[in-house]
Amino acid sequence: MVAMVHRAQICRYSGKREGNKCYVDVDGVPLDSRSEVLSIPSGEFEWGYKGTGPSRLAFAILAHHMADDGRALRLYRSFCDGVVSELPEDGWSISTEAIEGYLERTVDVPMTLDELLQIARDSRR
């Protein structure tokens, strides 16, 4: 299990659309995409489906929330699939408590499914 993150304050992450542009903030301050840490082709935040934009958003939220890029890199795919891809298209808001609740129910696996399958294939040889 992933340990809960205890921050000094409760934060609220919010996303909204204006035309073709998506805006995401943390308590009214724009969320940093952290593009220098996670290189995903799309530089824009997105949500409501599984893809590069939602993956970037999932990583940025977790990196900010956990203040730990390594853990955020391990968990962002799961967080994208379980949370970000399900956010309503027109707009949303999520609290640190909701994020921690999701993380409590998530197992931190230090490899991707493809890596695990490759290890299993290699062990049969």
Protein backbone atom coordinates (compact mmCIF):
# COMPACT_ATOMS: atom_id res chain seq x y z
CA MET A 1 0.00 0.00 0.00
CA VAL A 2 1.06 3.58 -0.60
CA ALA A 3 1.37 5.65 2.53
CA MET A 4 -0.82 8.73 2.79
CA VAL A 5 0.82 12.04 2.19
CA HIS A 6 0.28 14.55 4.95
CA ARG A 7 0.57 18.10 3.68
CA ALA A 8 0.49 21.15 5.90
CA GLN A 9 -2.69 22.29 4.18
CA ILE A 10 -5.52 20.83 2.20
CA CYS A 11 -5.31 21.75 -1.49
CA ARG A 12 -7.99 21.77 -4.15
CA TYR A 13 -7.06 21.00 -7.75
CA SER A 14 -9.50 22.37 -10.36
CA GLY A 15 -9.77 22.13 -14.12
CA LYS A 16 -11.91 24.05 -16.60
CA ARG A 17 -12.18 24.52 -20.33
CA GLU A 18 -12.39 27.79 -22.18
CA GLY A 19 -12.84 27.13 -25.87
CA ASN A 20 -10.16 24.65 -26.93
CA LYS A 21 -7.88 25.45 -23.98
CA CYS A 22 -7.74 23.62 -20.64
CA TYR A 23 -6.72 25.36 -17.42
CA VAL A 24 -5.72 23.60 -14.21
CA ASP A 25 -4.91 25.26 -10.93
CA VAL A 26 -4.12 24.44 -7.31
CA ASP A 27 -6.01 26.75 -4.98
CA GLY A 28 -6.17 29.38 -7.75
CA VAL A 29 -2.49 29.11 -8.81
CA PRO A 30 -1.70 27.49 -12.20
CA LEU A 31 -0.43 23.90 -11.83
CA ASP A 32 3.13 23.37 -13.10
CA SER A 33 3.16 20.69 -15.84
CA ARG A 34 6.61 19.47 -14.71
CA SER A 35 7.53 18.87 -18.37
CA GLU A 36 11.23 18.86 -17.44
CA VAL A 37 10.64 15.64 -15.45
CA LEU A 38 8.16 13.74 -17.62
CA SER A 39 8.62 14.01 -21.36
CA ILE A 40 5.28 13.27 -22.96
CA PRO A 41 4.72 14.55 -26.51
CA SER A 42 1.66 16.65 -25.65
CA GLY A 43 2.47 19.62 -23.46
CA GLU A 44 -1.16 20.45 -22.69
CA PHE A 45 -3.25 19.21 -19.79
CA GLU A 46 -6.36 17.21 -20.67
CA TRP A 47 -8.82 14.94 -18.86
CA GLY A 48 -11.86 12.75 -19.42
CA TYR A 49 -10.11 10.04 -21.48
CA LYS A 50 -6.86 8.04 -21.51
CA GLY A 51 -4.06 9.69 -23.46
CA THR A 52 -0.98 11.90 -23.33
CA GLY A 53 -2.70 15.07 -22.05
CA PRO A 54 -4.43 13.23 -19.18
CA SER A 55 -1.16 11.43 -18.38
CA ARG A 56 0.64 14.76 -18.11
CA LEU A 57 -2.10 16.06 -15.80
CA ALA A 58 -2.01 12.93 -13.63
CA PHE A 59 1.75 13.25 -13.20
CA ALA A 60 1.60 16.99 -12.45
CA ILE A 61 -1.10 16.53 -9.80
CA LEU A 62 0.76 13.68 -8.09
CA ALA A 63 4.15 15.42 -8.30
CA HIS A 64 2.66 18.48 -6.63
CA HIS A 65 0.62 16.50 -4.11
CA MET A 66 3.38 14.11 -3.03
CA ALA A 67 6.37 16.43 -3.56
CA ASP A 68 8.18 13.31 -4.81
CA ASP A 69 8.83 13.03 -8.56
CA GLY A 70 9.98 9.40 -8.31
CA ARG A 71 6.76 8.23 -6.66
CA ALA A 72 4.70 10.37 -9.02
CA LEU A 73 6.43 8.72 -11.99
CA ARG A 74 5.58 5.27 -10.62
CA LEU A 75 1.94 6.07 -9.90
CA TYR A 76 0.76 8.53 -12.55
CA ARG A 77 -0.43 5.90 -15.06
CA SER A 78 -2.70 4.26 -12.52
CA PHE A 79 -3.93 7.66 -11.30
CA CYS A 80 -4.62 8.65 -14.90
CA ASP A 81 -6.61 5.48 -15.59
CA GLY A 82 -8.50 5.51 -12.30
CA VAL A 83 -9.12 9.22 -11.75
CA VAL A 84 -8.09 11.68 -14.48
CA SER A 85 -9.64 9.72 -17.35
CA GLU A 86 -12.96 9.77 -15.46
CA LEU A 87 -13.08 13.51 -14.73
CA PRO A 88 -16.01 15.36 -16.37
CA GLU A 89 -15.02 17.11 -19.60
CA ASP A 90 -16.54 20.51 -18.81
CA GLY A 91 -14.79 21.00 -15.46
CA TRP A 92 -13.86 19.36 -12.18
CA SER A 93 -12.39 19.82 -8.74
CA ILE A 94 -10.57 17.29 -6.56
CA SER A 95 -9.23 17.66 -3.02
CA THR A 96 -6.07 16.31 -1.45
CA GLU A 97 -8.29 14.03 0.66
CA ALA A 98 -9.75 12.43 -2.48
CA ILE A 99 -6.27 11.95 -3.94
CA GLU A 100 -5.03 10.37 -0.71
CA GLY A 101 -8.09 8.11 -0.64
CA TYR A 102 -7.25 6.87 -4.13
CA LEU A 103 -3.57 6.37 -3.25
CA GLU A 104 -4.48 4.37 -0.14
CA ARG A 105 -6.27 1.87 -2.39
CA THR A 106 -3.38 1.71 -4.89
CA VAL A 107 -0.45 -0.67 -4.84
CA ASP A 108 2.90 0.94 -5.69
CA VAL A 109 4.50 -1.42 -8.23
CA PRO A 110 8.04 -0.45 -9.27
CA MET A 111 7.59 -1.61 -12.88
CA THR A 112 5.11 -1.47 -15.74
CA LEU A 113 2.97 -4.42 -16.75
CA ASP A 114 5.07 -4.83 -19.92
CA GLU A 115 8.25 -5.03 -17.82
CA LEU A 116 6.65 -7.61 -15.53
CA LEU A 117 5.50 -9.70 -18.50
CA GLN A 118 9.00 -9.54 -20.01
CA ILE A 119 10.48 -10.84 -16.74
CA ALA A 120 7.96 -13.70 -16.75
CA ARG A 121 8.80 -14.55 -20.40
CA ASP A 122 12.55 -14.42 -19.67
CA SER A 123 12.17 -16.72 -16.65
CA ARG A 124 10.62 -19.45 -18.85
CA ARG A 125 13.70 -19.62 -21.07
